[in-house]
Every structure is written in structure tokens, then in C-alpha cells.
Amino acid sequence: MWKLTRPDNRHDKLTRDTLLDLQDHRLVRIELVREDQRQVWVLTKRGQGEAKKLLEPKGIRVSALREEKYDLVTGELLGASYDDHAAAVTSTAAELHRAGIGHRLGFQTEIGHRLGSGFVQRADLVVRAREAGVPVLLLEIDRRTEDAHDLVTKLRRYWEWGRLLAPDAHRLIVDLVRSRPDAIEDVGHEKRLWRRVYPPTGREGLVPLAFVFADTTAAKVANTVRVIEEAGRRYWAPCRYETYYREAITAKDYSQAVPVVVTTLEQLKEHGADAAVWRRLGRKDEQSLTDALDNPDGDALYRRQYARAEAEDERRRAAEREARRPVCKRCGRKFTDQRWEETTARTAWKAGDLSVCGDCHADDVARKEAAAEAARLQAATPPEPEPEHDQEPGRGRSWFRRRRS
């Protein structure tokens, strides 16, 4: 415990003295003494009540009370479930805290996640360390007391819990998901239950999960991880983006996957939780925790590749369109966009000769207008009077008046 409460101290005397003082006030008690003489301390009922009032900030809960159970024959205190596994959980929290991942009240144990069937999947440890780039991380500590397929089942349950709708989801969405379960993939994470419990992770996918193996061999760890990778691929593996530019997009869609990382408690103690000791399922190399949780081939890469593919497709379509652009049969020049549109629109019958460009068409229109203007002017000019050849010279109207007079 002193590694968690006083990570800078090389000795645990201060923590032991504090625990002994709390024991005198009946707030804590010794659950058991391990073979290496390390003591496992737990809260008493009175201590848990005090912790709830004094230590618990909003949103943080104290672990379940560990009741005292005694052997009916020998009267010996029983503490089977809080022995090595509890120590491994505490040691994992201590190593994370020592590396600057999570503050003392940012750790919770035995946090339940209720599924739609009513089953409650409890996480051994929950860490919240936004300042370290890990807003939330669920941890399962395994001392190889569970079968590898049991761990796959836990992974499946966390995946199912991440797909549950929030209680205040719209009725139409609820009906759609009930009638077609895969429709949940089209529902944003902000409308799901897990976003009511935990903050956004800042990354694609569901709440990340870590398997920490303790007190076991490297061969057993490798075999277990291989089973989880193969049997649990449905739950942790990303899928391809459904897009028109399928060949140009190599990015992967992590939006419906549970990010899973694995490590061992021995590695955390030897190198530190901030070192490259975490391996993401689907990857070969070990990385730091934040690098392992990041998705460099995910949404950010998809946006870049999609933009490039869209720009390339636009250039290709522009080149194909340019190759189809008509050429004027009179002057040999290409049609402008405006002239091309005029010759292909519904009103193409108004565009004149469809085989000539806009300039040549304008010349044709100008010639026709000039000819029409000339014809109009000719029609509007009165004809000159013709000379009267049948009259005698010198005899006109005046002579006719004289004769009548």
C-alpha cells in the first residue's frame, strides 16, 4: 500500500504507522499475512462509512465491504478472495500511480457493469487519468487462475456493455435496435450507456480494456494472449471503412471495437507503467500505454486518405471530361464550358450549328443579323418616282387649267 500512498518513499514505515493508528480506531484490520510477510489490510464497516464521508469525491465509490468470516471449527479468520489476487490488483494500481498514471482517488476496484441480461461484469480495477492521456481504463488482473476462454468471455461482456443504449435514448432508436441489433453501430457513442458512466476516451472505439498477468510464466502469457486474439477477434479487431474509394483507403475503423492491451505485473515493476511494456492486440511490438491505445491507422488517417482519394477522383473526372470536350469543325478550337452547355441542353435547337464553337457561332449570328438588317432597311426605303413619258413638253396642269377657263 505504501507504494500507492507514498510512491516517493523508499520505506513503508509511515504507511505502517498510519495503518496501525487506523487499526486502533477500528477503521481498518489485517485480512491476512502473506508468505512473504506482507500484510493485506481492509476497511472495517466503520472505516468504510468514514471513507465514504471523508475520502470519496463525487463520482468515486469505495470498494465493497469485506466481511469477516471465520472457520466454524478452528475459528480462524478466512480471507480467500483477498489474498494474492488483491495484492496483485493493488500492486498494479501502485505501479500505474508511480508512473504518473492516475491519482490516488482515481482508482476503483470491483466496479460493476450491468448487461442487458442482468449479469454484472465487475472490473478488477478502473483507472481515470485524463492528465496522463488515459481518461478511463478497465483492468482485469489475472494470475492464470482463469481459463483463457473465460477472459474472452469477459472481453465479450465488456463489448456488449459498450453497445447498450442510454436509459434516456429516444423510443424510435430503442425500437430500431431491438428489431435489428446491428443498428446500434449507427448510433453515436454519446447516446450509449457507457458515456453516462465514463467520460469520452478521446479515441475511437469503446472503453479500453487491459489484461495484466501476474505470477505466471511468459509461455502461459503468450498462449493466453494468442487465444484472446483468435477467439476474441470479433470484439477487439477493427474493420474496413465502407466507402466508394475502397482501394485507396487502408485506414481501419475502430469505432465499434474494444481497444485491448496486455502486459505483466513483472514488466510494470521492472520497467515502469510508462515504459514500452504494453502490447495492443493485433500489433507485434510493445509500446507505451498511450501509444498502444492510440490509432495511427484509424480515423485521422482515414480523413487524410479520403481527402486525397476525393481530390484524385476529381482530377480524373476532370481529365475525362476534358477529353470529351467537342472541337469546332470550322476553326479547330475547343468549346468553352458555356458553348458546350448550350449545345447539350434541352434548348440546343436555339444554339445554331452545333458543330461550331462559340466564336464561330457568334460570327454566324452576326452575319445573319447584318443580312436581316439590310433587308429591313431595303424594305423601309420608298421607291423613287418614275418620269411621266406620255405628256407633251411644256404642257402640264397649268395648260389644262387655262383650257378649262
Protein backbone atom coordinates (compact mmCIF):
# COMPACT_ATOMS: atom_id res chain seq x y z
CA MET A 1 0.00 0.00 0.00
CA TRP A 2 2.81 2.39 0.71
CA LYS A 3 3.77 2.37 -2.98
CA LEU A 4 0.34 3.71 -3.77
CA THR A 5 0.04 6.24 -0.94
CA ARG A 6 3.69 7.33 -0.69
CA PRO A 7 5.37 6.46 -4.01
CA ASP A 8 8.39 8.68 -3.31
CA ASN A 9 9.25 6.98 0.00
CA ARG A 10 11.71 4.11 -0.10
CA HIS A 11 10.37 2.65 3.14
CA ASP A 12 6.85 1.93 4.31
CA LYS A 13 7.21 2.93 7.95
CA LEU A 14 4.96 5.98 7.61
CA THR A 15 2.22 3.92 5.96
CA ARG A 16 2.50 1.16 8.57
CA ASP A 17 2.27 3.64 11.40
CA THR A 18 -0.79 5.22 9.79
CA LEU A 19 -2.47 1.83 9.36
CA LEU A 20 -1.72 0.88 12.95
CA ASP A 21 -3.26 4.16 14.11
CA LEU A 22 -6.36 3.49 12.00
CA GLN A 23 -6.48 -0.02 13.46
CA ASP A 24 -6.52 1.40 16.98
CA HIS A 25 -9.62 3.37 15.97
CA ARG A 26 -11.18 0.20 14.48
CA LEU A 27 -11.23 1.67 10.97
CA VAL A 28 -9.03 -0.98 9.31
CA ARG A 29 -7.99 -4.51 10.09
CA ILE A 30 -5.48 -7.06 8.82
CA GLU A 31 -7.13 -9.50 6.45
CA LEU A 32 -4.20 -11.88 6.28
CA VAL A 33 -0.42 -12.13 6.23
CA ARG A 34 1.12 -13.46 3.05
CA GLU A 35 4.02 -15.88 2.82
CA ASP A 36 6.47 -13.04 2.21
CA GLN A 37 5.18 -11.42 5.44
CA ARG A 38 3.35 -8.64 3.61
CA GLN A 39 0.04 -7.79 5.22
CA VAL A 40 -3.25 -7.32 3.41
CA TRP A 41 -5.33 -4.60 5.09
CA VAL A 42 -9.04 -3.96 4.54
CA LEU A 43 -11.58 -1.45 5.82
CA THR A 44 -13.92 -2.33 8.63
CA LYS A 45 -17.60 -1.43 8.40
CA ARG A 46 -16.95 1.65 10.48
CA GLY A 47 -13.92 2.53 8.37
CA GLN A 48 -15.87 2.22 5.15
CA GLY A 49 -18.50 4.59 6.48
CA GLU A 50 -15.83 7.14 7.39
CA ALA A 51 -14.17 6.73 3.99
CA LYS A 52 -17.43 7.40 2.20
CA LYS A 53 -17.83 10.69 4.04
CA LEU A 54 -14.22 11.89 4.06
CA LEU A 55 -12.32 10.37 1.17
CA GLU A 56 -14.83 9.83 -1.58
CA PRO A 57 -15.13 12.69 -4.14
CA LYS A 58 -18.12 12.91 -6.41
CA GLY A 59 -18.22 10.03 -8.89
CA ILE A 60 -15.76 7.82 -6.95
CA ARG A 61 -17.04 4.90 -4.93
CA VAL A 62 -15.39 2.83 -2.21
CA SER A 63 -14.91 -0.86 -2.83
CA ALA A 64 -17.35 -3.36 -1.41
CA LEU A 65 -17.05 -4.15 2.27
CA ARG A 66 -15.04 -7.25 3.10
CA GLU A 67 -16.92 -9.01 5.84
CA GLU A 68 -15.10 -11.03 8.47
CA LYS A 69 -15.66 -14.75 8.06
CA TYR A 70 -14.30 -17.37 10.45
CA ASP A 71 -13.86 -21.09 10.17
CA LEU A 72 -16.61 -22.77 12.15
CA VAL A 73 -14.24 -25.43 13.51
CA THR A 74 -10.93 -23.67 14.10
CA GLY A 75 -12.26 -20.14 14.47
CA GLU A 76 -9.56 -18.92 12.06
CA LEU A 77 -10.30 -15.80 10.02
CA LEU A 78 -10.96 -16.69 6.39
CA GLY A 79 -9.67 -14.41 3.64
CA ALA A 80 -9.53 -16.47 0.49
CA SER A 81 -10.55 -13.86 -2.06
CA TYR A 82 -8.37 -11.01 -0.78
CA ASP A 83 -5.03 -12.74 -0.88
CA ASP A 84 -2.71 -12.86 -3.86
CA HIS A 85 -5.23 -11.51 -6.35
CA ALA A 86 -6.00 -8.49 -4.18
CA ALA A 87 -2.30 -7.87 -3.74
CA ALA A 88 -1.77 -8.04 -7.49
CA VAL A 89 -4.58 -5.54 -8.07
CA THR A 90 -3.11 -3.15 -5.51
CA SER A 91 0.38 -3.59 -6.92
CA THR A 92 -0.89 -2.80 -10.41
CA ALA A 93 -2.54 0.38 -9.16
CA ALA A 94 0.66 1.29 -7.33
CA GLU A 95 2.79 0.88 -10.44
CA LEU A 96 0.39 2.97 -12.51
CA HIS A 97 0.38 5.68 -9.85
CA ARG A 98 4.17 5.58 -9.55
CA ALA A 99 4.39 6.22 -13.31
CA GLY A 100 2.07 9.23 -13.04
CA ILE A 101 -0.96 7.42 -14.47
CA GLY A 102 -3.86 8.20 -12.15
CA HIS A 103 -4.11 9.87 -8.75
CA ARG A 104 -4.81 8.02 -5.50
CA LEU A 105 -8.54 8.60 -5.64
CA GLY A 106 -8.66 7.88 -9.37
CA PHE A 107 -8.57 4.11 -8.78
CA GLN A 108 -11.65 1.98 -8.17
CA THR A 109 -11.91 -1.76 -7.63
CA GLU A 110 -14.70 -4.22 -8.28
CA ILE A 111 -16.76 -1.83 -10.43
CA GLY A 112 -19.87 -3.49 -11.81
CA HIS A 113 -21.10 -3.20 -15.40
CA ARG A 114 -24.65 -4.50 -15.71
CA LEU A 115 -25.57 -6.13 -19.01
CA GLY A 116 -28.99 -6.28 -20.60
CA SER A 117 -29.47 -9.81 -19.26
CA GLY A 118 -28.93 -8.58 -15.71
CA PHE A 119 -25.48 -10.13 -15.37
CA VAL A 120 -22.92 -7.83 -13.72
CA GLN A 121 -19.39 -7.91 -15.08
CA ARG A 122 -17.04 -6.49 -12.43
CA ALA A 123 -13.75 -4.91 -13.41
CA ASP A 124 -10.85 -5.64 -11.06
CA LEU A 125 -9.59 -2.08 -11.40
CA VAL A 126 -10.76 1.12 -13.09
CA VAL A 127 -8.29 3.94 -13.68
CA ARG A 128 -9.12 7.52 -14.59
CA ALA A 129 -6.08 9.57 -15.59
CA ARG A 130 -7.08 12.23 -18.11
CA GLU A 131 -3.93 14.24 -17.42
CA ALA A 132 -1.85 11.21 -18.47
CA GLY A 133 -3.82 10.68 -21.69
CA VAL A 134 -5.94 7.86 -20.26
CA PRO A 135 -9.41 9.25 -19.41
CA VAL A 136 -10.56 5.75 -18.46
CA LEU A 137 -9.08 2.25 -18.49
CA LEU A 138 -10.61 -1.01 -17.27
CA LEU A 139 -8.15 -3.59 -15.98
CA GLU A 140 -8.51 -7.32 -15.44
CA ILE A 141 -5.75 -8.81 -13.27
CA ASP A 142 -5.17 -12.50 -13.99
CA ARG A 143 -2.83 -14.80 -12.08
CA ARG A 144 -3.61 -17.53 -14.61
CA THR A 145 -6.25 -18.93 -12.32
CA GLU A 146 -8.83 -18.47 -15.08
CA ASP A 147 -9.05 -20.28 -18.39
CA ALA A 148 -8.11 -18.20 -21.43
CA HIS A 149 -11.60 -18.59 -22.86
CA ASP A 150 -13.02 -17.13 -19.65
CA LEU A 151 -11.03 -13.98 -20.42
CA VAL A 152 -12.52 -13.98 -23.92
CA THR A 153 -15.95 -14.15 -22.32
CA LYS A 154 -15.10 -11.12 -20.16
CA LEU A 155 -13.99 -9.27 -23.27
CA ARG A 156 -17.27 -10.12 -24.98
CA ARG A 157 -19.24 -8.83 -22.00
CA TYR A 158 -17.41 -5.51 -21.99
CA TRP A 159 -18.07 -5.26 -25.74
CA GLU A 160 -21.77 -5.96 -25.19
CA TRP A 161 -21.93 -3.42 -22.36
CA GLY A 162 -20.38 -0.79 -24.63
CA ARG A 163 -23.20 -1.35 -27.15
CA LEU A 164 -26.06 -0.74 -24.70
CA LEU A 165 -28.23 2.32 -25.20
CA ALA A 166 -28.52 5.03 -22.58
CA PRO A 167 -31.71 4.96 -20.46
CA ASP A 168 -32.87 8.24 -21.99
CA ALA A 169 -32.49 7.06 -25.59
CA HIS A 170 -35.29 8.03 -27.97
CA ARG A 171 -38.06 5.49 -28.31
CA LEU A 172 -37.58 5.18 -32.08
CA ILE A 173 -33.89 4.35 -31.59
CA VAL A 174 -34.75 1.78 -28.93
CA ASP A 175 -37.29 0.10 -31.22
CA LEU A 176 -34.85 0.08 -34.11
CA VAL A 177 -32.07 -1.55 -32.07
CA ARG A 178 -34.46 -4.12 -30.65
CA SER A 179 -35.65 -5.10 -34.11
CA ARG A 180 -32.19 -5.01 -35.67
CA PRO A 181 -29.32 -5.32 -33.13
CA ASP A 182 -26.65 -4.30 -35.65
CA ALA A 183 -28.33 -0.90 -35.90
CA ILE A 184 -26.52 0.07 -32.68
CA GLU A 185 -23.41 0.60 -34.81
CA ASP A 186 -25.11 3.58 -36.43
CA VAL A 187 -25.92 5.13 -33.04
CA GLY A 188 -23.34 7.60 -31.78
CA HIS A 189 -21.40 6.81 -28.62
CA GLU A 190 -22.78 9.88 -26.89
CA LYS A 191 -26.21 8.15 -26.91
CA ARG A 192 -24.93 4.95 -25.33
CA LEU A 193 -24.88 3.85 -21.71
CA TRP A 194 -21.12 3.85 -21.27
CA ARG A 195 -20.95 7.59 -21.92
CA ARG A 196 -23.23 8.11 -18.92
CA VAL A 197 -20.73 6.23 -16.74
CA TYR A 198 -17.34 7.20 -18.14
CA PRO A 199 -16.00 10.28 -19.93
CA PRO A 200 -15.14 10.17 -23.64
CA THR A 201 -11.86 8.35 -24.23
CA GLY A 202 -10.59 10.82 -26.81
CA ARG A 203 -10.07 7.94 -29.23
CA GLU A 204 -12.23 5.79 -31.48
CA GLY A 205 -13.90 2.75 -30.05
CA LEU A 206 -15.37 1.64 -26.75
CA VAL A 207 -13.86 1.78 -23.26
CA PRO A 208 -10.29 0.37 -23.42
CA LEU A 209 -9.51 -2.84 -21.55
CA ALA A 210 -6.17 -4.06 -20.19
CA PHE A 211 -5.22 -7.59 -19.16
CA VAL A 212 -2.40 -7.64 -16.61
CA PHE A 213 -0.93 -11.07 -15.94
CA ALA A 214 0.83 -11.74 -12.65
CA ASP A 215 2.79 -14.57 -11.03
CA THR A 216 2.96 -16.68 -14.18
CA THR A 217 5.37 -17.67 -16.91
CA ALA A 218 6.00 -15.98 -20.24
CA ALA A 219 4.87 -19.11 -22.10
CA LYS A 220 1.50 -19.15 -20.34
CA VAL A 221 1.03 -15.46 -21.04
CA ALA A 222 1.84 -15.95 -24.74
CA ASN A 223 -0.61 -18.84 -25.03
CA THR A 224 -3.36 -16.88 -23.28
CA VAL A 225 -2.86 -13.80 -25.43
CA ARG A 226 -2.94 -15.94 -28.58
CA VAL A 227 -6.31 -17.41 -27.54
CA ILE A 228 -7.72 -13.95 -26.79
CA GLU A 229 -6.52 -12.65 -30.16
CA GLU A 230 -8.00 -15.51 -32.12
CA ALA A 231 -11.23 -16.21 -30.24
CA GLY A 232 -11.95 -12.59 -29.38
CA ARG A 233 -11.21 -11.02 -32.75
CA ARG A 234 -14.87 -10.11 -33.20
CA TYR A 235 -14.63 -7.78 -30.21
CA TRP A 236 -11.22 -6.09 -30.45
CA ALA A 237 -10.39 -6.08 -34.17
CA PRO A 238 -11.21 -3.07 -36.38
CA CYS A 239 -12.97 -3.39 -39.71
CA ARG A 240 -12.61 -1.71 -43.09
CA TYR A 241 -14.36 1.54 -43.86
CA GLU A 242 -17.37 1.22 -46.14
CA THR A 243 -16.51 3.83 -48.76
CA TYR A 244 -16.55 4.35 -52.52
CA TYR A 245 -12.76 4.72 -52.53
CA ARG A 246 -12.21 1.26 -51.06
CA GLU A 247 -8.91 0.57 -52.83
CA ALA A 248 -7.38 3.90 -51.84
CA ILE A 249 -8.36 3.62 -48.15
CA THR A 250 -6.10 1.49 -45.96
CA ALA A 251 -7.26 3.04 -42.68
CA LYS A 252 -9.23 0.89 -40.26
CA ASP A 253 -12.50 1.59 -38.49
CA TYR A 254 -12.09 1.19 -34.72
CA SER A 255 -15.41 2.79 -33.80
CA GLN A 256 -17.10 -0.45 -32.66
CA ALA A 257 -14.05 -2.24 -31.20
CA VAL A 258 -12.76 -2.58 -27.66
CA PRO A 259 -9.10 -1.46 -27.53
CA VAL A 260 -7.30 -4.27 -25.67
CA VAL A 261 -3.75 -4.04 -24.30
CA VAL A 262 -1.81 -6.69 -22.38
CA THR A 263 1.21 -6.66 -20.09
CA THR A 264 2.54 -8.36 -16.97
CA LEU A 265 2.92 -7.09 -13.44
CA GLU A 266 6.58 -8.10 -13.54
CA GLN A 267 7.18 -5.81 -16.51
CA LEU A 268 5.41 -2.94 -14.76
CA LYS A 269 7.61 -3.38 -11.70
CA GLU A 270 10.83 -3.72 -13.68
CA HIS A 271 10.39 -1.01 -16.32
CA GLY A 272 7.52 1.15 -15.06
CA ALA A 273 3.98 1.53 -16.36
CA ASP A 274 5.04 4.49 -18.52
CA ALA A 275 7.58 2.40 -20.43
CA ALA A 276 7.04 0.39 -23.61
CA VAL A 277 5.58 -2.65 -21.84
CA TRP A 278 2.05 -2.66 -23.28
CA ARG A 279 1.12 -4.64 -26.39
CA ARG A 280 -2.07 -3.86 -28.28
CA LEU A 281 -3.88 -6.88 -29.66
CA GLY A 282 -3.28 -7.00 -33.40
CA ARG A 283 0.17 -5.45 -33.11
CA LYS A 284 3.56 -7.09 -32.66
CA ASP A 285 5.67 -4.58 -30.76
CA GLU A 286 5.28 -3.30 -27.23
CA GLN A 287 4.54 0.40 -26.76
CA SER A 288 3.81 2.91 -24.06
CA LEU A 289 0.25 2.88 -22.79
CA THR A 290 -0.90 5.98 -24.67
CA ASP A 291 0.79 4.87 -27.90
CA ALA A 292 -0.79 1.44 -27.59
CA LEU A 293 -4.24 2.99 -27.11
CA ASP A 294 -3.84 5.44 -29.99
CA ASN A 295 -4.97 4.51 -33.50
CA PRO A 296 -2.49 5.97 -36.02
CA ASP A 297 -4.19 3.92 -38.74
CA GLY A 298 -7.67 4.94 -37.66
CA ASP A 299 -9.95 7.91 -38.16
CA ALA A 300 -7.24 10.55 -38.65
CA LEU A 301 -5.58 8.51 -41.41
CA TYR A 302 -8.99 7.83 -42.95
CA ARG A 303 -9.75 11.55 -43.25
CA ARG A 304 -6.41 12.22 -44.93
CA GLN A 305 -6.72 9.28 -47.32
CA TYR A 306 -10.32 10.13 -48.15
CA ALA A 307 -9.38 13.74 -48.96
CA ARG A 308 -6.54 12.56 -51.23
CA ALA A 309 -8.75 9.97 -52.92
CA GLU A 310 -11.50 12.52 -53.47
CA ALA A 311 -9.04 15.03 -54.96
CA GLU A 312 -7.56 12.36 -57.23
CA ASP A 313 -11.02 11.27 -58.33
CA GLU A 314 -11.90 14.87 -59.08
CA ARG A 315 -8.75 15.25 -61.22
CA ARG A 316 -9.54 12.01 -63.06
CA ARG A 317 -13.11 13.07 -63.78
CA ALA A 318 -11.90 16.48 -64.94
CA ALA A 319 -9.40 14.84 -67.32
CA GLU A 320 -12.07 12.51 -68.70
CA ARG A 321 -14.44 15.42 -69.20
CA GLU A 322 -11.73 17.43 -70.95
CA ALA A 323 -11.10 14.50 -73.29
CA ARG A 324 -14.79 14.54 -74.25
CA ARG A 325 -14.86 18.30 -74.91
CA PRO A 326 -16.02 18.97 -78.53
CA VAL A 327 -13.78 20.67 -81.09
CA CYS A 328 -15.01 23.28 -83.57
CA LYS A 329 -15.13 21.87 -87.09
CA ARG A 330 -14.56 25.28 -88.56
CA CYS A 331 -11.66 26.81 -86.60
CA GLY A 332 -10.41 23.75 -84.66
CA ARG A 333 -10.68 25.32 -81.21
CA LYS A 334 -12.27 23.54 -78.21
CA PHE A 335 -15.68 24.53 -76.99
CA THR A 336 -15.91 26.65 -73.88
CA ASP A 337 -17.99 25.33 -70.97
CA GLN A 338 -20.74 27.77 -71.83
CA ARG A 339 -20.86 26.76 -75.50
CA TRP A 340 -20.70 23.08 -74.57
CA GLU A 341 -23.63 23.52 -72.25
CA GLU A 342 -25.58 25.39 -74.93
CA THR A 343 -25.11 22.55 -77.43
CA THR A 344 -26.11 19.81 -74.96
CA ALA A 345 -29.01 21.48 -73.14
CA ARG A 346 -32.67 20.93 -73.91
CA THR A 347 -32.69 24.21 -75.80
CA ALA A 348 -29.88 23.09 -78.12
CA TRP A 349 -32.16 23.85 -81.10
CA LYS A 350 -31.56 27.51 -80.29
CA ALA A 351 -27.75 27.14 -80.41
CA GLY A 352 -27.45 27.17 -84.19
CA ASP A 353 -24.83 24.97 -85.79
CA LEU A 354 -23.87 22.52 -83.02
CA SER A 355 -20.54 21.69 -84.64
CA VAL A 356 -19.02 25.17 -84.29
CA CYS A 357 -17.57 26.91 -81.23
CA GLY A 358 -18.97 29.97 -79.52
CA ASP A 359 -16.93 32.49 -81.56
CA CYS A 360 -17.85 30.93 -84.87
CA HIS A 361 -21.46 30.74 -83.77
CA ALA A 362 -21.28 34.42 -82.83
CA ASP A 363 -19.94 35.20 -86.34
CA ASP A 364 -22.82 33.27 -87.85
CA VAL A 365 -25.29 35.16 -85.71
CA ALA A 366 -23.63 38.49 -86.64
CA ARG A 367 -23.85 37.70 -90.36
CA LYS A 368 -27.47 36.70 -90.07
CA GLU A 369 -28.27 39.86 -88.16
CA ALA A 370 -26.44 42.02 -90.71
CA ALA A 371 -28.32 40.42 -93.56
CA ALA A 372 -31.60 40.83 -91.75
CA GLU A 373 -30.85 44.50 -91.03
CA ALA A 374 -30.01 45.15 -94.66
CA ALA A 375 -33.25 43.54 -95.74
CA ARG A 376 -35.21 45.59 -93.25
CA LEU A 377 -33.64 48.84 -94.40
CA GLN A 378 -34.29 47.99 -98.01
CA ALA A 379 -37.92 47.28 -97.26
CA ALA A 380 -38.35 50.55 -95.35
CA THR A 381 -36.88 52.90 -98.11
CA PRO A 382 -39.65 54.32 -100.52
CA PRO A 383 -39.04 53.85 -104.28
CA GLU A 384 -38.13 56.93 -106.39
CA PRO A 385 -40.95 58.21 -108.73
CA GLU A 386 -40.73 57.26 -112.36
CA PRO A 387 -40.73 60.07 -115.06
CA GLU A 388 -44.07 60.73 -116.97
CA HIS A 389 -43.19 59.93 -120.60
CA ASP A 390 -46.77 60.33 -122.06
CA GLN A 391 -47.07 64.12 -121.52
CA GLU A 392 -46.08 66.70 -124.14
CA PRO A 393 -43.26 69.00 -123.32
CA GLY A 394 -44.36 72.28 -121.81
CA ARG A 395 -47.89 71.13 -121.24
CA GLY A 396 -48.89 70.35 -117.70
CA ARG A 397 -51.52 71.18 -115.20
CA SER A 398 -51.30 74.96 -115.85
CA TRP A 399 -52.19 74.46 -119.52
CA PHE A 400 -55.07 72.26 -118.53
CA ARG A 401 -56.43 74.93 -116.20
CA ARG A 402 -56.20 77.57 -118.97
CA ARG A 403 -58.14 75.39 -121.32
CA ARG A 404 -60.91 74.93 -118.80
CA SER A 405 -61.09 78.60 -118.07
